[in-house]
N, C-alpha and C. Protein backbone atom coordinates (compact mmCIF):
# COMPACT_ATOMS: atom_id res chain seq x y z
N MET A 1 7.75 14.76 2.10
CA MET A 1 8.78 14.11 0.95
C MET A 1 9.35 12.61 1.53
N CYS A 2 9.46 11.90 1.11
CA CYS A 2 10.23 10.71 1.45
C CYS A 2 11.29 11.06 1.89
N PRO A 3 12.09 10.50 3.04
CA PRO A 3 13.49 10.58 3.64
C PRO A 3 14.30 9.67 3.54
N HIS A 4 13.68 8.42 2.30
CA HIS A 4 14.76 7.31 2.35
C HIS A 4 15.54 7.37 1.08
N ASP A 5 16.84 6.60 1.43
CA ASP A 5 17.29 6.79 0.26
C ASP A 5 17.33 5.36 0.05
N PRO A 6 17.12 4.57 -1.29
CA PRO A 6 16.44 5.63 -2.63
C PRO A 6 15.03 6.12 -1.97
N VAL A 7 14.57 7.07 -2.53
CA VAL A 7 13.29 7.38 -2.44
C VAL A 7 12.12 6.54 -2.54
N CYS A 8 11.06 6.17 -1.71
CA CYS A 8 10.13 5.73 -2.15
C CYS A 8 9.23 5.92 -3.09
N PRO A 9 8.63 4.79 -3.82
CA PRO A 9 7.79 5.19 -5.08
C PRO A 9 6.66 6.07 -4.58
N SER A 10 6.01 6.55 -5.31
CA SER A 10 4.91 7.89 -5.25
C SER A 10 3.72 7.01 -4.95
N ALA A 11 2.55 7.45 -4.63
CA ALA A 11 1.47 6.99 -4.45
C ALA A 11 0.92 6.70 -5.79
N GLU A 12 1.03 7.41 -6.50
CA GLU A 12 0.62 7.53 -7.96
C GLU A 12 1.19 6.54 -8.75
N ALA A 13 2.51 6.07 -8.44
CA ALA A 13 3.24 4.95 -8.84
C ALA A 13 2.70 3.16 -9.08
N PRO A 14 2.66 2.91 -10.40
CA PRO A 14 2.41 1.10 -10.23
C PRO A 14 2.98 0.43 -8.97
N ASP A 15 4.41 0.69 -8.68
CA ASP A 15 4.55 0.10 -7.71
C ASP A 15 4.80 0.36 -6.26
N ARG A 16 3.79 1.19 -5.74
CA ARG A 16 3.29 2.20 -4.85
C ARG A 16 3.25 1.43 -3.69
N GLU A 17 3.00 -0.04 -3.73
CA GLU A 17 3.29 -0.79 -2.15
C GLU A 17 4.67 -0.96 -1.99
N ALA A 18 5.52 -0.83 -2.71
CA ALA A 18 6.79 -1.01 -2.59
C ALA A 18 7.41 0.01 -1.38
N ALA A 19 6.81 1.02 -0.95
CA ALA A 19 7.18 2.16 -0.20
C ALA A 19 7.07 1.75 1.21
N ARG A 20 8.07 2.26 2.01
CA ARG A 20 8.41 1.39 3.13
C ARG A 20 7.35 1.72 4.56
N THR A 21 7.11 0.93 5.21
CA THR A 21 5.78 1.00 6.17
C THR A 21 6.58 1.92 7.32
N VAL A 22 5.83 2.71 7.69
CA VAL A 22 5.89 3.75 8.96
C VAL A 22 4.97 3.42 9.77
N ALA A 23 3.88 3.02 9.53
CA ALA A 23 2.95 2.64 10.75
C ALA A 23 2.24 1.52 10.63
N CYS A 24 2.50 0.19 11.64
CA CYS A 24 1.50 -1.04 11.11
C CYS A 24 0.81 -1.39 12.29
N HIS A 25 -0.38 -1.69 11.87
CA HIS A 25 -1.44 -2.31 12.77
C HIS A 25 -2.32 -3.53 12.68
N PRO A 26 -1.31 -4.64 12.60
CA PRO A 26 -2.10 -5.52 11.84
C PRO A 26 -3.00 -6.11 12.99
N GLU A 27 -3.37 -5.57 13.97
CA GLU A 27 -4.56 -5.95 14.86
C GLU A 27 -5.77 -5.45 14.52
N GLN A 28 -5.29 -4.42 13.39
CA GLN A 28 -6.80 -3.76 12.76
C GLN A 28 -6.79 -4.00 11.23
N GLY A 29 -5.88 -4.84 10.53
CA GLY A 29 -5.43 -5.04 9.42
C GLY A 29 -5.50 -4.00 8.61
N TRP A 30 -4.09 -2.93 8.92
CA TRP A 30 -3.79 -1.93 7.73
C TRP A 30 -2.36 -1.54 8.44
N SER A 31 -1.62 -1.12 7.49
CA SER A 31 -0.43 -0.32 7.61
C SER A 31 -0.65 0.97 6.60
N LEU A 32 0.32 1.96 7.23
CA LEU A 32 0.60 3.29 6.42
C LEU A 32 1.82 3.24 5.95
N LEU A 33 1.95 3.47 4.76
CA LEU A 33 3.40 3.39 4.02
C LEU A 33 3.95 5.05 4.02
N CYS A 34 4.82 4.74 3.45
CA CYS A 34 5.64 6.07 3.60
C CYS A 34 5.05 7.49 2.40
N ASN A 35 4.65 6.60 1.49
CA ASN A 35 3.90 7.42 0.50
C ASN A 35 2.41 8.05 0.81
N GLY A 36 2.04 7.70 1.89
CA GLY A 36 0.71 7.99 2.33
C GLY A 36 -0.62 6.94 2.09
N VAL A 37 0.07 6.08 1.34
CA VAL A 37 -0.83 4.83 0.90
C VAL A 37 -1.12 3.96 2.48
N VAL A 38 -2.50 3.83 2.57
CA VAL A 38 -3.45 2.85 3.53
C VAL A 38 -3.31 1.34 2.78
N LEU A 39 -2.73 0.59 3.41
CA LEU A 39 -2.71 -0.79 2.79
C LEU A 39 -3.29 -1.84 3.46
N PHE A 40 -4.07 -2.30 3.30
CA PHE A 40 -5.08 -3.41 4.23
C PHE A 40 -4.72 -4.22 3.65
N GLU A 41 -5.00 -5.28 5.07
CA GLU A 41 -4.57 -6.91 4.94
C GLU A 41 -5.24 -7.69 3.95
N ASP A 42 -6.29 -6.75 3.30
CA ASP A 42 -6.95 -7.48 2.17
C ASP A 42 -6.40 -7.44 0.37
N THR A 43 -5.37 -6.56 0.72
CA THR A 43 -4.42 -5.99 -0.57
C THR A 43 -5.44 -4.90 -1.36
N GLY A 44 -6.58 -4.39 -0.59
CA GLY A 44 -7.23 -3.00 -0.75
C GLY A 44 -6.41 -1.80 -0.54
N GLU A 45 -6.25 -0.66 -0.87
CA GLU A 45 -5.78 0.58 -0.62
C GLU A 45 -6.55 1.84 -0.97
N LEU A 46 -5.72 2.73 0.52
CA LEU A 46 -6.64 3.90 0.00
C LEU A 46 -5.55 4.77 0.16
N LEU A 47 -5.69 5.43 -1.20
CA LEU A 47 -4.27 6.30 -1.50
C LEU A 47 -4.80 7.45 -1.03
N PRO A 48 -3.62 8.72 -0.77
CA PRO A 48 -3.73 10.12 -0.05
C PRO A 48 -4.79 10.70 -0.37
N GLY A 49 -5.28 10.48 -1.86
CA GLY A 49 -6.43 11.53 -2.35
C GLY A 49 -7.89 11.02 -2.09
N GLY A 50 -7.80 10.08 -1.08
CA GLY A 50 -9.06 9.36 -0.97
C GLY A 50 -9.77 8.46 -2.02
N THR A 51 -8.72 7.88 -3.55
CA THR A 51 -9.43 7.03 -3.85
C THR A 51 -9.06 5.64 -3.49
N ALA A 52 -9.95 4.82 -3.29
CA ALA A 52 -10.29 3.37 -2.75
C ALA A 52 -9.61 2.71 -3.83
N ILE A 53 -8.83 1.61 -4.07
CA ILE A 53 -8.37 0.56 -4.71
C ILE A 53 -8.87 -0.43 -3.94
N ALA A 54 -9.64 -1.36 -4.98
CA ALA A 54 -10.10 -2.70 -4.43
C ALA A 54 -9.07 -3.66 -4.19
N PRO A 55 -9.16 -4.45 -3.45
CA PRO A 55 -8.37 -5.90 -3.17
C PRO A 55 -7.98 -6.08 -4.34
N HIS A 56 -6.86 -6.55 -4.46
CA HIS A 56 -6.26 -7.05 -5.97
C HIS A 56 -5.68 -8.54 -5.58
N ARG A 57 -6.07 -9.34 -5.23
CA ARG A 57 -5.56 -11.01 -4.87
C ARG A 57 -5.08 -11.66 -6.07
N PRO A 58 -4.19 -12.35 -6.26
CA PRO A 58 -3.85 -13.01 -7.49
C PRO A 58 -5.24 -14.09 -7.65
N VAL A 59 -5.19 -14.41 -8.92
CA VAL A 59 -6.36 -15.48 -8.91
C VAL A 59 -5.87 -17.06 -9.05
N VAL A 60 -6.10 -17.88 -8.27
CA VAL A 60 -5.36 -19.33 -8.33
C VAL A 60 -6.25 -20.03 -9.32
N GLY A 61 -5.61 -20.48 -10.52
CA GLY A 61 -5.97 -21.36 -11.46
C GLY A 61 -6.48 -22.81 -10.93
N ALA A 62 -7.41 -23.65 -11.87
CA ALA A 62 -7.72 -24.70 -11.26
C ALA A 62 -6.77 -25.89 -11.34
N ALA A 63 -6.41 -26.73 -10.47
CA ALA A 63 -5.39 -27.91 -10.65
C ALA A 63 -5.97 -29.03 -11.76
């Protein structure tokens, strides 16, 4: 369970990336969030149950 106050969003929540970072390894390109989500620098995610979320960078419109 999350020890933070207020409690971090769960791994299933739409705002799961708002959870606090508990381990950061920028040299390897990933961070572990309090809710068990592994967040990659390309914005991909690995959820605690093993589900992979593809990178979801915003699309920049043509000028």
